[in-house]
Structures are given as structure tokens and as C-alpha cells.
Amino acid sequence: MAKYWIAIHHRDDYDPSVSEDEAMSRDIDVLNDEMTAAGVRVFVGGLRPAGCAKSLRRQADGEVLVTDGSYLKTSEHVGGFWVLEAADMGEALSWGRKAAIACRAPVEVRPFH
């Protein structure tokens, strides 16, 4: 079975204490339980806001520059993700649809090499 990355995207100003209510938390818990019962869930994790990130870039002189914030300058970032084992992209997309509904957010599904 192939592995797939199911990423949840949040706006930069996303605040879980404001945006996530009990119903949403329950829906995510139900989805996690369903993934576990189906044997597809490999890993799941939520991420702190992109402002907490550190970006590292190799410089021409070989040194590595460390800066505060996300590498990408966008208005949305990955807020959490699952790694799943699925038979094919169709099955992964089915889980992605459920994730978009439970998390009430845009989702990206991408296969691993």
C-alpha cells in the first residue's frame, strides 16, 4: 500500500481557541478513530502556527542562515496532517474528503515517493 500525506490548511490568523468548537473536535476524534479502525493511519499531528517556525537556507559560502517564520510567504499554511496507507489515490481522496468535512478547512492529498 502507498503512503499519502493529507494536509489541513489554515489561514495565518487561525486561532484554534476561536475556530474549533466541541462539534469540530468531536468530528476530528471520530475521523481519527475511523482511520485507526480501518488500519490506514500511520501518523497524525497538529502544527503550531507558521510564525513559530524557523527557516534554514544554505548560503553561497556554505553557511546556513536561520530566520524566524515560515520559508514560504503565503497567507495560509499547513496546520496539521495525517500520513495514511491507502490502496490508491481514490481511497486517499475519500479520507481527504472526510478530513475537509471534519476540520472545516481546505485539504491537500499528496502521495509519497
N, C-alpha and C. Protein backbone atom coordinates (compact mmCIF):
# COMPACT_ATOMS: atom_id res chain seq x y z
N MET A 1 0.85 -1.19 0.00
CA MET A 1 0.00 0.00 0.00
C MET A 1 0.88 1.24 0.00
N ALA A 2 0.43 2.25 -0.69
CA ALA A 2 1.17 3.50 -0.79
C ALA A 2 0.83 4.41 0.39
N LYS A 3 1.76 5.31 0.67
CA LYS A 3 1.55 6.29 1.74
C LYS A 3 1.13 7.63 1.12
N TYR A 4 0.21 8.29 1.81
CA TYR A 4 -0.31 9.58 1.37
C TYR A 4 -0.27 10.58 2.51
N TRP A 5 -0.01 11.82 2.15
CA TRP A 5 0.01 12.95 3.09
C TRP A 5 -1.32 13.68 2.92
N ILE A 6 -2.07 13.81 3.99
CA ILE A 6 -3.34 14.54 3.99
C ILE A 6 -3.11 15.77 4.86
N ALA A 7 -3.00 16.93 4.23
CA ALA A 7 -2.65 18.16 4.94
C ALA A 7 -3.86 19.08 5.07
N ILE A 8 -4.01 19.65 6.26
CA ILE A 8 -5.06 20.62 6.55
C ILE A 8 -4.43 22.01 6.48
N HIS A 9 -5.06 22.91 5.75
CA HIS A 9 -4.52 24.26 5.60
C HIS A 9 -5.33 25.26 6.43
N HIS A 10 -4.61 26.14 7.11
CA HIS A 10 -5.23 27.20 7.93
C HIS A 10 -4.71 28.56 7.49
N ARG A 11 -5.53 29.57 7.70
CA ARG A 11 -5.09 30.96 7.48
C ARG A 11 -4.03 31.31 8.52
N ASP A 12 -3.22 32.31 8.21
CA ASP A 12 -2.19 32.75 9.15
C ASP A 12 -2.77 33.15 10.51
N ASP A 13 -3.97 33.74 10.49
CA ASP A 13 -4.55 34.22 11.74
C ASP A 13 -5.43 33.17 12.42
N TYR A 14 -5.30 31.91 12.02
CA TYR A 14 -6.13 30.83 12.58
C TYR A 14 -5.85 30.69 14.07
N ASP A 15 -6.92 30.70 14.85
CA ASP A 15 -6.80 30.54 16.29
C ASP A 15 -7.72 29.40 16.71
N PRO A 16 -7.15 28.24 17.07
CA PRO A 16 -7.99 27.10 17.41
C PRO A 16 -8.96 27.39 18.56
N SER A 17 -8.58 28.25 19.49
CA SER A 17 -9.47 28.53 20.62
C SER A 17 -10.73 29.26 20.17
N VAL A 18 -10.67 29.90 19.02
CA VAL A 18 -11.83 30.62 18.47
C VAL A 18 -12.52 29.78 17.40
N SER A 19 -11.74 29.11 16.56
CA SER A 19 -12.28 28.43 15.38
C SER A 19 -12.76 27.01 15.63
N GLU A 20 -12.23 26.35 16.66
CA GLU A 20 -12.56 24.95 16.88
C GLU A 20 -13.52 24.80 18.06
N ASP A 21 -14.74 24.39 17.76
CA ASP A 21 -15.73 24.18 18.82
C ASP A 21 -15.78 22.69 19.18
N GLU A 22 -16.65 22.35 20.12
CA GLU A 22 -16.76 20.95 20.58
C GLU A 22 -17.18 20.02 19.45
N ALA A 23 -18.07 20.48 18.59
CA ALA A 23 -18.54 19.65 17.48
C ALA A 23 -17.40 19.32 16.53
N MET A 24 -16.58 20.30 16.24
CA MET A 24 -15.45 20.07 15.35
C MET A 24 -14.44 19.10 15.98
N SER A 25 -14.14 19.30 17.25
CA SER A 25 -13.21 18.39 17.95
C SER A 25 -13.76 16.97 17.95
N ARG A 26 -15.05 16.84 18.17
CA ARG A 26 -15.68 15.51 18.16
C ARG A 26 -15.58 14.89 16.78
N ASP A 27 -15.84 15.68 15.72
CA ASP A 27 -15.76 15.16 14.35
C ASP A 27 -14.35 14.70 14.01
N ILE A 28 -13.35 15.43 14.46
CA ILE A 28 -11.96 15.04 14.20
C ILE A 28 -11.62 13.77 14.97
N ASP A 29 -12.08 13.67 16.22
CA ASP A 29 -11.85 12.45 17.01
C ASP A 29 -12.51 11.24 16.34
N VAL A 30 -13.72 11.42 15.84
CA VAL A 30 -14.42 10.33 15.16
C VAL A 30 -13.64 9.91 13.92
N LEU A 31 -13.15 10.88 13.16
CA LEU A 31 -12.37 10.57 11.96
C LEU A 31 -11.09 9.82 12.33
N ASN A 32 -10.39 10.27 13.37
CA ASN A 32 -9.18 9.57 13.81
C ASN A 32 -9.49 8.14 14.22
N ASP A 33 -10.59 7.95 14.94
CA ASP A 33 -10.98 6.60 15.34
C ASP A 33 -11.30 5.74 14.12
N GLU A 34 -11.98 6.33 13.14
CA GLU A 34 -12.32 5.59 11.92
C GLU A 34 -11.06 5.20 11.14
N MET A 35 -10.11 6.12 11.04
CA MET A 35 -8.85 5.82 10.35
C MET A 35 -8.09 4.70 11.06
N THR A 36 -8.07 4.75 12.39
CA THR A 36 -7.39 3.72 13.17
C THR A 36 -8.07 2.37 12.98
N ALA A 37 -9.39 2.35 13.06
CA ALA A 37 -10.14 1.10 12.90
C ALA A 37 -9.94 0.51 11.51
N ALA A 38 -9.80 1.36 10.49
CA ALA A 38 -9.59 0.89 9.12
C ALA A 38 -8.14 0.47 8.88
N GLY A 39 -7.25 0.79 9.83
CA GLY A 39 -5.84 0.40 9.69
C GLY A 39 -5.06 1.24 8.70
N VAL A 40 -5.54 2.46 8.40
CA VAL A 40 -4.85 3.29 7.41
C VAL A 40 -3.96 4.36 8.04
N ARG A 41 -4.23 4.71 9.27
CA ARG A 41 -3.50 5.82 9.89
C ARG A 41 -2.11 5.38 10.33
N VAL A 42 -1.09 6.07 9.82
CA VAL A 42 0.30 5.82 10.19
C VAL A 42 0.73 6.84 11.23
N PHE A 43 0.37 8.11 11.01
CA PHE A 43 0.78 9.20 11.89
C PHE A 43 -0.19 10.35 11.72
N VAL A 44 -0.41 11.09 12.79
CA VAL A 44 -1.22 12.31 12.74
C VAL A 44 -0.56 13.34 13.64
N GLY A 45 -0.60 14.60 13.23
CA GLY A 45 -0.02 15.65 14.07
C GLY A 45 -0.55 17.02 13.70
N GLY A 46 -0.74 17.82 14.72
CA GLY A 46 -1.10 19.22 14.53
C GLY A 46 0.16 20.06 14.63
N LEU A 47 0.18 21.17 13.93
CA LEU A 47 1.35 22.04 13.93
C LEU A 47 1.03 23.39 14.58
N ARG A 48 2.00 23.92 15.27
CA ARG A 48 1.86 25.27 15.81
C ARG A 48 1.81 26.25 14.63
N PRO A 49 1.39 27.49 14.85
CA PRO A 49 1.30 28.46 13.75
C PRO A 49 2.65 28.66 13.04
N ALA A 50 2.56 29.04 11.77
CA ALA A 50 3.76 29.21 10.95
C ALA A 50 4.72 30.24 11.54
N GLY A 51 4.21 31.19 12.31
CA GLY A 51 5.07 32.18 12.95
C GLY A 51 6.03 31.57 13.96
N CYS A 52 5.76 30.35 14.40
CA CYS A 52 6.63 29.65 15.34
C CYS A 52 7.78 28.93 14.64
N ALA A 53 7.71 28.87 13.32
CA ALA A 53 8.71 28.11 12.55
C ALA A 53 10.05 28.83 12.48
N LYS A 54 11.07 28.08 12.17
CA LYS A 54 12.40 28.59 11.83
C LYS A 54 12.71 28.06 10.44
N SER A 55 13.25 28.91 9.59
CA SER A 55 13.61 28.50 8.23
C SER A 55 15.12 28.51 8.09
N LEU A 56 15.63 27.50 7.43
CA LEU A 56 17.07 27.38 7.23
C LEU A 56 17.37 27.38 5.75
N ARG A 57 18.35 28.21 5.35
CA ARG A 57 18.74 28.31 3.93
C ARG A 57 20.26 28.27 3.82
N ARG A 58 20.72 27.40 2.94
CA ARG A 58 22.15 27.33 2.68
C ARG A 58 22.55 28.54 1.86
N GLN A 59 23.62 29.20 2.28
CA GLN A 59 24.13 30.38 1.59
C GLN A 59 25.22 29.97 0.61
N ALA A 60 25.59 30.88 -0.28
CA ALA A 60 26.62 30.60 -1.30
C ALA A 60 27.96 30.23 -0.66
N ASP A 61 28.24 30.76 0.53
CA ASP A 61 29.51 30.46 1.19
C ASP A 61 29.48 29.15 1.98
N GLY A 62 28.35 28.44 1.90
CA GLY A 62 28.22 27.17 2.60
C GLY A 62 27.62 27.27 3.99
N GLU A 63 27.53 28.47 4.51
CA GLU A 63 26.90 28.67 5.82
C GLU A 63 25.39 28.48 5.69
N VAL A 64 24.74 28.23 6.81
CA VAL A 64 23.29 28.08 6.83
C VAL A 64 22.70 29.23 7.63
N LEU A 65 21.81 29.98 6.99
CA LEU A 65 21.15 31.12 7.62
C LEU A 65 19.84 30.63 8.24
N VAL A 66 19.62 30.97 9.51
CA VAL A 66 18.39 30.62 10.21
C VAL A 66 17.59 31.90 10.41
N THR A 67 16.32 31.87 9.97
CA THR A 67 15.45 33.04 10.14
C THR A 67 14.15 32.61 10.80
N ASP A 68 13.47 33.56 11.41
CA ASP A 68 12.18 33.31 12.04
C ASP A 68 11.10 33.23 10.98
N GLY A 69 10.13 32.35 11.21
CA GLY A 69 8.97 32.27 10.34
C GLY A 69 9.08 31.19 9.29
N SER A 70 7.99 31.05 8.58
CA SER A 70 7.87 30.04 7.54
C SER A 70 8.77 30.36 6.36
N TYR A 71 9.21 29.34 5.67
CA TYR A 71 10.00 29.52 4.46
C TYR A 71 9.15 30.18 3.37
N LEU A 72 7.91 29.72 3.24
CA LEU A 72 7.01 30.28 2.24
C LEU A 72 6.29 31.50 2.79
N LYS A 73 6.19 32.52 2.01
CA LYS A 73 5.47 33.73 2.40
C LYS A 73 4.08 33.69 1.76
N THR A 74 3.15 33.07 2.48
CA THR A 74 1.79 32.92 2.00
C THR A 74 0.82 33.30 3.11
N SER A 75 -0.46 33.38 2.77
CA SER A 75 -1.46 33.71 3.79
C SER A 75 -2.06 32.47 4.44
N GLU A 76 -1.71 31.28 3.93
CA GLU A 76 -2.19 30.02 4.51
C GLU A 76 -1.02 29.06 4.66
N HIS A 77 -1.10 28.21 5.68
CA HIS A 77 -0.04 27.24 5.95
C HIS A 77 -0.64 25.93 6.40
N VAL A 78 0.17 24.89 6.37
CA VAL A 78 -0.27 23.59 6.86
C VAL A 78 -0.44 23.70 8.37
N GLY A 79 -1.63 23.34 8.84
CA GLY A 79 -1.91 23.42 10.27
C GLY A 79 -1.87 22.06 10.96
N GLY A 80 -1.92 21.02 10.16
CA GLY A 80 -1.86 19.66 10.68
C GLY A 80 -1.91 18.69 9.54
N PHE A 81 -1.65 17.42 9.83
CA PHE A 81 -1.62 16.44 8.75
C PHE A 81 -1.76 15.02 9.27
N TRP A 82 -2.10 14.14 8.36
CA TRP A 82 -2.10 12.70 8.58
C TRP A 82 -1.16 12.09 7.56
N VAL A 83 -0.53 11.01 7.92
CA VAL A 83 0.12 10.12 6.97
C VAL A 83 -0.70 8.84 6.99
N LEU A 84 -1.21 8.46 5.82
CA LEU A 84 -2.07 7.28 5.70
C LEU A 84 -1.46 6.27 4.74
N GLU A 85 -1.79 5.02 4.94
CA GLU A 85 -1.51 3.97 3.96
C GLU A 85 -2.83 3.64 3.30
N ALA A 86 -2.87 3.84 1.98
CA ALA A 86 -4.11 3.60 1.24
C ALA A 86 -3.78 2.81 -0.03
N ALA A 87 -4.78 2.13 -0.55
CA ALA A 87 -4.60 1.30 -1.74
C ALA A 87 -4.24 2.13 -2.96
N ASP A 88 -4.83 3.34 -3.06
CA ASP A 88 -4.59 4.17 -4.23
C ASP A 88 -5.05 5.61 -3.93
N MET A 89 -4.88 6.48 -4.91
CA MET A 89 -5.25 7.89 -4.73
C MET A 89 -6.75 8.02 -4.47
N GLY A 90 -7.56 7.20 -5.08
CA GLY A 90 -9.01 7.26 -4.85
C GLY A 90 -9.36 7.05 -3.39
N GLU A 91 -8.75 6.05 -2.76
CA GLU A 91 -9.01 5.81 -1.34
C GLU A 91 -8.48 6.98 -0.50
N ALA A 92 -7.29 7.48 -0.85
CA ALA A 92 -6.72 8.62 -0.11
C ALA A 92 -7.63 9.84 -0.23
N LEU A 93 -8.20 10.06 -1.41
CA LEU A 93 -9.11 11.19 -1.59
C LEU A 93 -10.38 11.03 -0.77
N SER A 94 -10.84 9.81 -0.60
CA SER A 94 -12.01 9.56 0.25
C SER A 94 -11.73 10.01 1.68
N TRP A 95 -10.54 9.67 2.18
CA TRP A 95 -10.16 10.12 3.53
C TRP A 95 -9.97 11.63 3.55
N GLY A 96 -9.42 12.19 2.47
CA GLY A 96 -9.25 13.64 2.39
C GLY A 96 -10.58 14.37 2.45
N ARG A 97 -11.59 13.85 1.78
CA ARG A 97 -12.93 14.45 1.84
C ARG A 97 -13.45 14.47 3.27
N LYS A 98 -13.27 13.35 3.97
CA LYS A 98 -13.72 13.28 5.36
C LYS A 98 -12.94 14.27 6.23
N ALA A 99 -11.65 14.44 5.94
CA ALA A 99 -10.83 15.39 6.70
C ALA A 99 -11.29 16.82 6.46
N ALA A 100 -11.62 17.16 5.21
CA ALA A 100 -12.10 18.51 4.89
C ALA A 100 -13.40 18.81 5.63
N ILE A 101 -14.27 17.81 5.73
CA ILE A 101 -15.54 17.99 6.43
C ILE A 101 -15.31 18.12 7.94
N ALA A 102 -14.52 17.22 8.51
CA ALA A 102 -14.29 17.23 9.96
C ALA A 102 -13.54 18.49 10.40
N CYS A 103 -12.54 18.90 9.62
CA CYS A 103 -11.69 20.04 10.01
C CYS A 103 -12.23 21.38 9.54
N ARG A 104 -13.25 21.32 8.66
CA ARG A 104 -13.84 22.56 8.13
C ARG A 104 -12.77 23.47 7.52
N ALA A 105 -11.87 22.83 6.73
CA ALA A 105 -10.74 23.56 6.16
C ALA A 105 -10.32 22.91 4.85
N PRO A 106 -9.61 23.65 4.01
CA PRO A 106 -9.08 23.06 2.77
C PRO A 106 -8.09 21.94 3.09
N VAL A 107 -8.07 20.93 2.25
CA VAL A 107 -7.21 19.76 2.45
C VAL A 107 -6.42 19.50 1.17
N GLU A 108 -5.19 19.07 1.32
CA GLU A 108 -4.35 18.65 0.20
C GLU A 108 -4.00 17.18 0.41
N VAL A 109 -4.13 16.39 -0.64
CA VAL A 109 -3.75 14.98 -0.62
C VAL A 109 -2.59 14.81 -1.58
N ARG A 110 -1.49 14.26 -1.08
CA ARG A 110 -0.31 14.09 -1.91
C ARG A 110 0.36 12.76 -1.63
N PRO A 111 0.71 12.00 -2.69
CA PRO A 111 1.38 10.71 -2.45
C PRO A 111 2.86 10.92 -2.12
N PHE A 112 3.38 9.98 -1.33
CA PHE A 112 4.82 9.94 -1.10
C PHE A 112 5.47 9.22 -2.27
N HIS A 113 6.77 9.44 -2.47
CA HIS A 113 7.52 8.68 -3.50
C HIS A 113 7.61 7.25 -3.08
